[in-house]
C-alpha atoms as a PDB file:
ATOM      1  CA  MET A   1       7.306   9.839  33.982  1.00  0.00           C
ATOM      2  CA  ALA A   2      10.485   8.575  35.197  1.00  0.00           C
ATOM      3  CA  SER A   3       9.947   9.517  38.652  1.00  0.00           C
ATOM      4  CA  ASN A   4       6.748   7.683  38.648  1.00  0.00           C
ATOM      5  CA  LEU A   5       8.183   4.211  37.058  1.00  0.00           C
ATOM      6  CA  LYS A   6      11.106   4.188  39.691  1.00  0.00           C
ATOM      7  CA  ASN A   7       8.748   2.597  42.499  1.00  0.00           C
ATOM      8  CA  ASP A   8       7.436  -0.178  40.259  1.00  0.00           C
ATOM      9  CA  PRO A   9       8.094  -3.956  41.153  1.00  0.00           C
ATOM     10  CA  ARG A  10       8.594  -5.086  38.001  1.00  0.00           C
ATOM     11  CA  LEU A  11      11.312  -2.376  36.799  1.00  0.00           C
ATOM     12  CA  TRP A  12      13.442  -3.605  39.868  1.00  0.00           C
ATOM     13  CA  ARG A  13      12.874  -7.008  38.133  1.00  0.00           C
ATOM     14  CA  LEU A  14      13.842  -5.536  35.144  1.00  0.00           C
ATOM     15  CA  ALA A  15      17.303  -3.788  36.496  1.00  0.00           C
ATOM     16  CA  ALA A  16      18.087  -7.268  38.498  1.00  0.00           C
ATOM     17  CA  ASP A  17      18.103  -9.296  35.252  1.00  0.00           C
ATOM     18  CA  LEU A  18      20.308  -7.040  33.379  1.00  0.00           C
ATOM     19  CA  GLY A  19      23.015  -6.725  36.569  1.00  0.00           C
ATOM     20  CA  ALA A  20      21.978  -2.493  36.422  1.00  0.00           C
ATOM     21  CA  LYS A  21      22.851  -1.497  40.192  1.00  0.00           C
ATOM     22  CA  HIS A  22      20.943   0.959  42.266  1.00  0.00           C
ATOM     23  CA  ASP A  23      20.248   2.741  45.375  1.00  0.00           C
ATOM     24  CA  GLY A  24      16.482   2.571  44.858  1.00  0.00           C
ATOM     25  CA  ASP A  25      15.989   4.296  41.250  1.00  0.00           C
ATOM     26  CA  PRO A  26      15.750   1.388  38.700  1.00  0.00           C
ATOM     27  CA  VAL A  27      14.673   3.947  36.108  1.00  0.00           C
ATOM     28  CA  GLY A  28      17.947   5.945  36.387  1.00  0.00           C
ATOM     29  CA  ALA A  29      20.464   2.921  36.895  1.00  0.00           C
ATOM     30  CA  ILE A  30      18.955   1.119  33.411  1.00  0.00           C
ATOM     31  CA  ILE A  31      19.111   4.617  31.867  1.00  0.00           C
ATOM     32  CA  ARG A  32      22.842   4.596  32.320  1.00  0.00           C
ATOM     33  CA  LEU A  33      23.333   1.338  31.569  1.00  0.00           C
ATOM     34  CA  CYS A  34      21.775   2.011  28.369  1.00  0.00           C
ATOM     35  CA  GLN A  35      24.222   5.341  28.215  1.00  0.00           C
ATOM     36  CA  LYS A  36      26.821   3.546  28.377  1.00  0.00           C
ATOM     37  CA  LYS A  37      25.822   1.324  25.717  1.00  0.00           C
ATOM     38  CA  ILE A  38      25.156   3.848  23.391  1.00  0.00           C
ATOM     39  CA  ARG A  39      28.522   5.751  23.737  1.00  0.00           C
ATOM     40  CA  ALA A  40      30.764   2.346  23.400  1.00  0.00           C
ATOM     41  CA  PHE A  41      28.827   2.203  19.617  1.00  0.00           C
ATOM     42  CA  ILE A  42      29.668   6.214  19.537  1.00  0.00           C
ATOM     43  CA  GLN A  43      33.552   5.395  19.935  1.00  0.00           C
ATOM     44  CA  GLU A  44      33.595   2.565  18.545  1.00  0.00           C
ATOM     45  CA  HIS A  45      32.659   3.968  15.248  1.00  0.00           C
ATOM     46  CA  GLY A  46      31.659   7.322  15.375  1.00  0.00           C
ATOM     47  CA  CYS A  47      28.477   9.277  14.819  1.00  0.00           C
ATOM     48  CA  ALA A  48      27.797  13.054  13.774  1.00  0.00           C
ATOM     49  CA  THR A  49      24.035  13.487  14.050  1.00  0.00           C
ATOM     50  CA  PRO A  50      21.266  11.570  15.550  1.00  0.00           C
ATOM     51  CA  THR A  51      20.317   9.767  12.503  1.00  0.00           C
ATOM     52  CA  ASP A  52      24.074   8.133  12.168  1.00  0.00           C
ATOM     53  CA  LEU A  53      23.063   6.942  15.813  1.00  0.00           C
ATOM     54  CA  LEU A  54      20.329   5.776  15.452  1.00  0.00           C
ATOM     55  CA  GLN A  55      21.203   3.872  12.586  1.00  0.00           C
ATOM     56  CA  LEU A  56      24.706   2.747  14.033  1.00  0.00           C
ATOM     57  CA  ALA A  57      22.180   1.202  16.987  1.00  0.00           C
ATOM     58  CA  ALA A  58      20.052  -1.064  14.665  1.00  0.00           C
ATOM     59  CA  ILE A  59      23.321  -2.468  13.326  1.00  0.00           C
ATOM     60  CA  LYS A  60      24.594  -3.220  16.640  1.00  0.00           C
ATOM     61  CA  LEU A  61      21.725  -4.250  18.432  1.00  0.00           C
ATOM     62  CA  ASP A  62      21.382  -6.547  15.228  1.00  0.00           C
ATOM     63  CA  THR A  63      17.682  -5.027  14.068  1.00  0.00           C
ATOM     64  CA  LEU A  64      16.532  -4.169  10.703  1.00  0.00           C
ATOM     65  CA  PHE A  65      13.721  -1.538  10.031  1.00  0.00           C
ATOM     66  CA  ILE A  66      11.379  -2.351   7.860  1.00  0.00           C
ATOM     67  CA  GLU A  67       8.588   0.948   7.136  1.00  0.00           C
ATOM     68  CA  ILE A  68       5.128  -0.225   6.554  1.00  0.00           C
ATOM     69  CA  ASP A  69       4.111   2.623   4.725  1.00  0.00           C
ATOM     70  CA  SER A  70       0.879   0.730   2.848  1.00  0.00           C
ATOM     71  CA  ASP A  71      -1.626  -1.877   3.682  1.00  0.00           C
ATOM     72  CA  LYS A  72      -0.081  -3.532   0.469  1.00  0.00           C
ATOM     73  CA  THR A  73       3.318  -3.396   1.984  1.00  0.00           C
ATOM     74  CA  LEU A  74       2.282  -4.785   5.429  1.00  0.00           C
ATOM     75  CA  LEU A  75       0.636  -7.923   3.505  1.00  0.00           C
ATOM     76  CA  ARG A  76       3.969  -8.156   1.276  1.00  0.00           C
ATOM     77  CA  VAL A  77       6.312  -8.427   4.673  1.00  0.00           C
ATOM     78  CA  ARG A  78       3.600 -10.625   6.238  1.00  0.00           C
ATOM     79  CA  ASP A  79       3.798 -13.107   2.994  1.00  0.00           C
ATOM     80  CA  GLU A  80       7.086 -12.509   2.684  1.00  0.00           C
ATOM     81  CA  TYR A  81       8.342 -13.953   6.473  1.00  0.00           C
ATOM     82  CA  SER A  82       5.615 -16.349   7.135  1.00  0.00           C
ATOM     83  CA  GLY A  83       7.002 -17.834   3.554  1.00  0.00           C
ATOM     84  CA  ARG A  84       9.800 -18.650   5.040  1.00  0.00           C
ATOM     85  CA  GLY A  85       8.570 -20.149   8.303  1.00  0.00           C
ATOM     86  CA  GLU A  86       8.463 -17.240  10.622  1.00  0.00           C
ATOM     87  CA  VAL A  87       5.059 -18.079  12.384  1.00  0.00           C
ATOM     88  CA  SER A  88       5.302 -14.622  14.414  1.00  0.00           C
ATOM     89  CA  PHE A  89       4.439 -12.400  11.323  1.00  0.00           C
ATOM     90  CA  ALA A  90       1.021 -14.799  10.303  1.00  0.00           C
ATOM     91  CA  ASP A  91      -1.606 -12.656  11.914  1.00  0.00           C
ATOM     92  CA  LEU A  92       0.571  -9.150  10.994  1.00  0.00           C
ATOM     93  CA  GLU A  93      -2.431  -6.916   9.605  1.00  0.00           C
ATOM     94  CA  HIS A  94      -3.937  -7.713  13.383  1.00  0.00           C
ATOM     95  CA  GLN A  95      -1.376  -7.051  15.620  1.00  0.00           C
ATOM     96  CA  LEU A  96      -0.438  -3.837  13.841  1.00  0.00           C
ATOM     97  CA  GLY A  97      -3.385  -2.321  15.403  1.00  0.00           C
ATOM     98  CA  PRO A  98      -4.532   1.483  15.560  1.00  0.00           C
ATOM     99  CA  ASP A  99      -3.069   1.266  18.790  1.00  0.00           C
ATOM    100  CA  VAL A 100      -0.084  -0.450  17.935  1.00  0.00           C
ATOM    101  CA  TYR A 101       2.610   1.808  16.589  1.00  0.00           C
ATOM    102  CA  ALA A 102       5.503  -0.792  16.098  1.00  0.00           C
ATOM    103  CA  ILE A 103       6.697  -4.390  17.144  1.00  0.00           C
ATOM    104  CA  THR A 104      10.197  -6.008  17.049  1.00  0.00           C
ATOM    105  CA  PHE A 105      10.502  -9.928  16.516  1.00  0.00           C
ATOM    106  CA  GLY A 106      13.294 -11.967  16.723  1.00  0.00           C
ATOM    107  CA  LEU A 107      13.359 -13.987  14.021  1.00  0.00           C
ATOM    108  CA  GLN A 108      13.548 -17.993  14.257  1.00  0.00           C
ATOM    109  CA  ARG A 109      14.505 -18.996  10.788  1.00  0.00           C
ATOM    110  CA  GLY A 110      16.740 -16.539   9.732  1.00  0.00           C
ATOM    111  CA  GLY A 111      19.417 -16.862   6.692  1.00  0.00           C
ATOM    112  CA  LYS A 112      22.881 -16.521   6.712  1.00  0.00           C
ATOM    113  CA  GLY A 113      23.590 -12.812   6.666  1.00  0.00           C
ATOM    114  CA  ASP A 114      19.917 -11.873   8.390  1.00  0.00           C
ATOM    115  CA  ARG A 115      20.004  -9.674  10.908  1.00  0.00           C
ATOM    116  CA  LYS A 116      18.620 -11.496  14.453  1.00  0.00           C
ATOM    117  CA  PHE A 117      15.554  -8.891  14.673  1.00  0.00           C
ATOM    118  CA  VAL A 118      13.046  -7.292  12.729  1.00  0.00           C
ATOM    119  CA  SER A 119      11.355  -4.246  13.990  1.00  0.00           C
ATOM    120  CA  LEU A 120       8.236  -3.045  11.888  1.00  0.00           C
ATOM    121  CA  ILE A 121       6.988   0.568  11.577  1.00  0.00           C
ATOM    122  CA  ASP A 122       3.921   1.637  10.952  1.00  0.00           C
ATOM    123  CA  CYS A 123       3.868   4.547   9.036  1.00  0.00           C
ATOM    124  CA  ARG A 124       0.790   4.362   7.313  1.00  0.00           C
ATOM    125  CA  GLY A 125      -1.016   7.645   7.754  1.00  0.00           C
ATOM    126  CA  ALA A 126      -0.660   9.681  10.778  1.00  0.00           C
ATOM    127  CA  LYS A 127       1.548   7.079  12.255  1.00  0.00           C
ATOM    128  CA  ARG A 128       4.182   8.071   9.911  1.00  0.00           C
ATOM    129  CA  PHE A 129       5.254  10.989  12.389  1.00  0.00           C
ATOM    130  CA  ARG A 130       5.709   9.119  15.058  1.00  0.00           C
ATOM    131  CA  SER A 131       8.211   6.889  12.926  1.00  0.00           C
ATOM    132  CA  TYR A 132      11.446   8.675  14.198  1.00  0.00           C
ATOM    133  CA  PHE A 133      10.642   7.738  18.056  1.00  0.00           C
ATOM    134  CA  SER A 134       8.862   4.059  17.104  1.00  0.00           C
ATOM    135  CA  LYS A 135      12.417   2.988  16.080  1.00  0.00           C
ATOM    136  CA  TRP A 136      14.103   4.390  19.533  1.00  0.00           C
ATOM    137  CA  HIS A 137      11.497   2.817  21.436  1.00  0.00           C
ATOM    138  CA  GLU A 138      12.132  -0.699  19.854  1.00  0.00           C
ATOM    139  CA  LEU A 139      16.261   0.048  19.933  1.00  0.00           C
ATOM    140  CA  ALA A 140      15.339   0.795  23.595  1.00  0.00           C
ATOM    141  CA  HIS A 141      14.006  -2.757  23.985  1.00  0.00           C
ATOM    142  CA  LEU A 142      16.565  -4.158  22.632  1.00  0.00           C
ATOM    143  CA  LEU A 143      19.354  -2.369  24.956  1.00  0.00           C
ATOM    144  CA  THR A 144      16.906  -3.736  27.565  1.00  0.00           C
ATOM    145  CA  LEU A 145      16.446  -7.475  26.268  1.00  0.00           C
ATOM    146  CA  THR A 146      16.975  -9.682  29.190  1.00  0.00           C
ATOM    147  CA  PRO A 147      18.614 -13.524  28.658  1.00  0.00           C
ATOM    148  CA  GLN A 148      14.815 -14.255  29.048  1.00  0.00           C
ATOM    149  CA  MET A 149      14.059 -12.432  25.666  1.00  0.00           C
ATOM    150  CA  ARG A 150      11.120 -11.906  24.294  1.00  0.00           C
ATOM    151  CA  LEU A 151      10.023 -12.544  20.564  1.00  0.00           C
ATOM    152  CA  ARG A 152       7.731  -9.944  20.359  1.00  0.00           C
ATOM    153  CA  PHE A 153       7.547  -6.165  21.215  1.00  0.00           C
ATOM    154  CA  CYS A 154       4.871  -3.443  20.889  1.00  0.00           C
ATOM    155  CA  ARG A 155       4.797   0.385  21.140  1.00  0.00           C
ATOM    156  CA  THR A 156       1.404   1.311  21.592  1.00  0.00           C
ATOM    157  CA  HIS A 157      -0.018   4.741  22.116  1.00  0.00           C
ATOM    158  CA  VAL A 158      -2.290   4.489  25.230  1.00  0.00           C
ATOM    159  CA  LEU A 159      -2.509   7.403  27.879  1.00  0.00           C
ATOM    160  CA  PRO A 160       0.417   7.246  30.234  1.00  0.00           C
ATOM    161  CA  GLU A 161      -1.703   6.212  33.542  1.00  0.00           C
ATOM    162  CA  HIS A 162      -2.374   3.095  31.307  1.00  0.00           C
ATOM    163  CA  LYS A 163       0.247   1.866  29.766  1.00  0.00           C
ATOM    164  CA  ASP A 164       2.497  -0.703  30.780  1.00  0.00           C
ATOM    165  CA  PRO A 165       5.827   0.429  33.277  1.00  0.00           C
ATOM    166  CA  GLU A 166       8.163  -1.591  30.973  1.00  0.00           C
ATOM    167  CA  GLU A 167       6.648   0.033  28.067  1.00  0.00           C
ATOM    168  CA  GLY A 168       6.691   3.628  29.595  1.00  0.00           C
ATOM    169  CA  LEU A 169      10.574   2.901  30.811  1.00  0.00           C
ATOM    170  CA  MET A 170      11.292   2.497  26.650  1.00  0.00           C
ATOM    171  CA  ASP A 171       9.452   5.765  25.733  1.00  0.00           C
ATOM    172  CA  VAL A 172      11.848   7.524  28.608  1.00  0.00           C
ATOM    173  CA  ILE A 173      15.232   5.713  26.763  1.00  0.00           C
ATOM    174  CA  ALA A 174      13.878   6.783  23.371  1.00  0.00           C
ATOM    175  CA  GLY A 175      13.256  10.333  24.326  1.00  0.00           C
ATOM    176  CA  LYS A 176      17.047  10.056  25.534  1.00  0.00           C
ATOM    177  CA  PHE A 177      18.483   8.911  22.608  1.00  0.00           C
ATOM    178  CA  ALA A 178      16.883  10.976  19.852  1.00  0.00           C
ATOM    179  CA  PHE A 179      18.436  13.859  20.168  1.00  0.00           C
ATOM    180  CA  PHE A 180      21.627  12.737  22.263  1.00  0.00           C
ATOM    181  CA  PRO A 181      22.844  16.175  23.848  1.00  0.00           C
ATOM    182  CA  GLU A 182      26.288  14.813  23.366  1.00  0.00           C
ATOM    183  CA  LEU A 183      26.006  14.949  19.485  1.00  0.00           C
ATOM    184  CA  ILE A 184      23.711  17.991  19.897  1.00  0.00           C
ATOM    185  CA  ALA A 185      26.204  20.136  21.534  1.00  0.00           C
ATOM    186  CA  LYS A 186      28.438  20.959  18.637  1.00  0.00           C
ATOM    187  CA  TYR A 187      25.439  22.120  16.690  1.00  0.00           C
ATOM    188  CA  ALA A 188      24.016  24.075  19.218  1.00  0.00           C
ATOM    189  CA  ILE A 189      25.137  27.243  18.926  1.00  0.00           C
ATOM    190  CA  GLY A 190      23.716  31.077  18.998  1.00  0.00           C
ATOM    191  CA  PRO A 191      20.180  31.674  20.536  1.00  0.00           C
ATOM    192  CA  ILE A 192      17.538  28.836  20.066  1.00  0.00           C
ATOM    193  CA  SER A 193      14.414  29.523  18.026  1.00  0.00           C
ATOM    194  CA  PHE A 194      11.448  27.757  16.336  1.00  0.00           C
ATOM    195  CA  ARG A 195      13.387  28.469  12.937  1.00  0.00           C
ATOM    196  CA  ARG A 196      16.936  27.041  14.494  1.00  0.00           C
ATOM    197  CA  ILE A 197      14.797  23.967  15.927  1.00  0.00           C
ATOM    198  CA  GLU A 198      13.383  23.462  12.346  1.00  0.00           C
ATOM    199  CA  GLU A 199      16.742  23.995  10.384  1.00  0.00           C
ATOM    200  CA  LEU A 200      18.863  21.293  12.792  1.00  0.00           C
ATOM    201  CA  ARG A 201      15.992  18.779  12.326  1.00  0.00           C
ATOM    202  CA  VAL A 202      16.336  19.054   8.611  1.00  0.00           C
ATOM    203  CA  ARG A 203      19.896  18.653   9.414  1.00  0.00           C
ATOM    204  CA  LEU A 204      19.982  15.852  11.984  1.00  0.00           C
ATOM    205  CA  ALA A 205      17.204  14.138  12.042  1.00  0.00           C
ATOM    206  CA  PRO A 206      14.927  14.757   9.276  1.00  0.00           C
ATOM    207  CA  GLU A 207      12.461  11.797  10.022  1.00  0.00           C
ATOM    208  CA  ALA A 208      11.923  13.344  13.125  1.00  0.00           C
ATOM    209  CA  SER A 209       8.365  15.076  13.657  1.00  0.00           C
ATOM    210  CA  LYS A 210       8.416  18.789  14.334  1.00  0.00           C
ATOM    211  CA  GLN A 211       6.653  18.444  17.854  1.00  0.00           C
ATOM    212  CA  SER A 212       9.737  15.447  18.579  1.00  0.00           C
ATOM    213  CA  ALA A 213      12.025  17.920  17.358  1.00  0.00           C
ATOM    214  CA  VAL A 214      11.206  20.630  19.691  1.00  0.00           C
ATOM    215  CA  ILE A 215      11.239  18.917  22.518  1.00  0.00           C
ATOM    216  CA  GLY A 216      14.559  16.626  22.051  1.00  0.00           C
ATOM    217  CA  LEU A 217      16.426  19.886  21.052  1.00  0.00           C
ATOM    218  CA  VAL A 218      15.490  21.755  24.209  1.00  0.00           C
ATOM    219  CA  ARG A 219      16.535  18.833  26.413  1.00  0.00           C
ATOM    220  CA  ALA A 220      19.638  18.703  24.955  1.00  0.00           C
ATOM    221  CA  TRP A 221      20.190  22.335  24.146  1.00  0.00           C
ATOM    222  CA  PRO A 222      23.581  22.778  26.577  1.00  0.00           C
ATOM    223  CA  ARG A 223      22.281  26.325  28.108  1.00  0.00           C
ATOM    224  CA  PRO A 224      18.429  27.070  29.286  1.00  0.00           C
ATOM    225  CA  CYS A 225      15.908  28.270  26.963  1.00  0.00           C
ATOM    226  CA  VAL A 226      13.404  28.993  28.992  1.00  0.00           C
ATOM    227  CA  CYS A 227      13.197  31.364  31.693  1.00  0.00           C
ATOM    228  CA  HIS A 228      10.001  30.557  34.177  1.00  0.00           C
ATOM    229  CA  ARG A 229       9.492  33.288  36.265  1.00  0.00           C
ATOM    230  CA  THR A 230       6.617  33.644  39.535  1.00  0.00           C
ATOM    231  CA  SER A 231       5.459  35.917  41.322  1.00  0.00           C
ATOM    232  CA  LYS A 232       3.605  36.397  44.259  1.00  0.00           C
ATOM    233  CA  CYS A 233       0.609  38.580  44.866  1.00  0.00           C
ATOM    234  CA  GLY A 234       0.312  40.192  47.924  1.00  0.00           C
ATOM    235  CA  HIS A 235      -3.285  41.857  47.770  1.00  0.00           C
END
């Protein structure tokens, strides 16, 4: 996906706004900028697992995760923040529609001790299987926040060809850090297998779905996991 995004003018503009210098590949430059920030977080505070990194990044990027596990929870959160004068929450039940998996709002009337942002993660029904990735997607938005900051971000589940290029880039960034190779390496001992992947998922990122763990851990594994052999028929 990243190769399809690098020619999009909106991502060239985003790279320029972020000061991410590049030679024709704004996507790579933006990812490197995000890696620099994430590595700084780890160096300053230390992390043992991807879950630790997720929690640390949320703190450093000043957002509070709220999991919406039911319609009742959604209405409670809507009323709580609307009652505090946060007008962005007023129609939350409509904003978190069937195709929206998460939204991040910048608080306008935050009190002392409040974080600057609130990231609402829709965990109702089948959406709960994507909650870990949705959290990283919202953090990706905050990692790439420009001075022209916006107050609402969405993670949607639509066909890639119809997805906004910036949303596609956020998926790429989320995929880089959900199972960050620099944290996985010390656990990648012995041969990889589906059993080993499941053991590591439960140990390192239990919120992640089994599918995302397979994809993420295979990508992060420091040694080749698959041998693909091709041959030509001489008929």
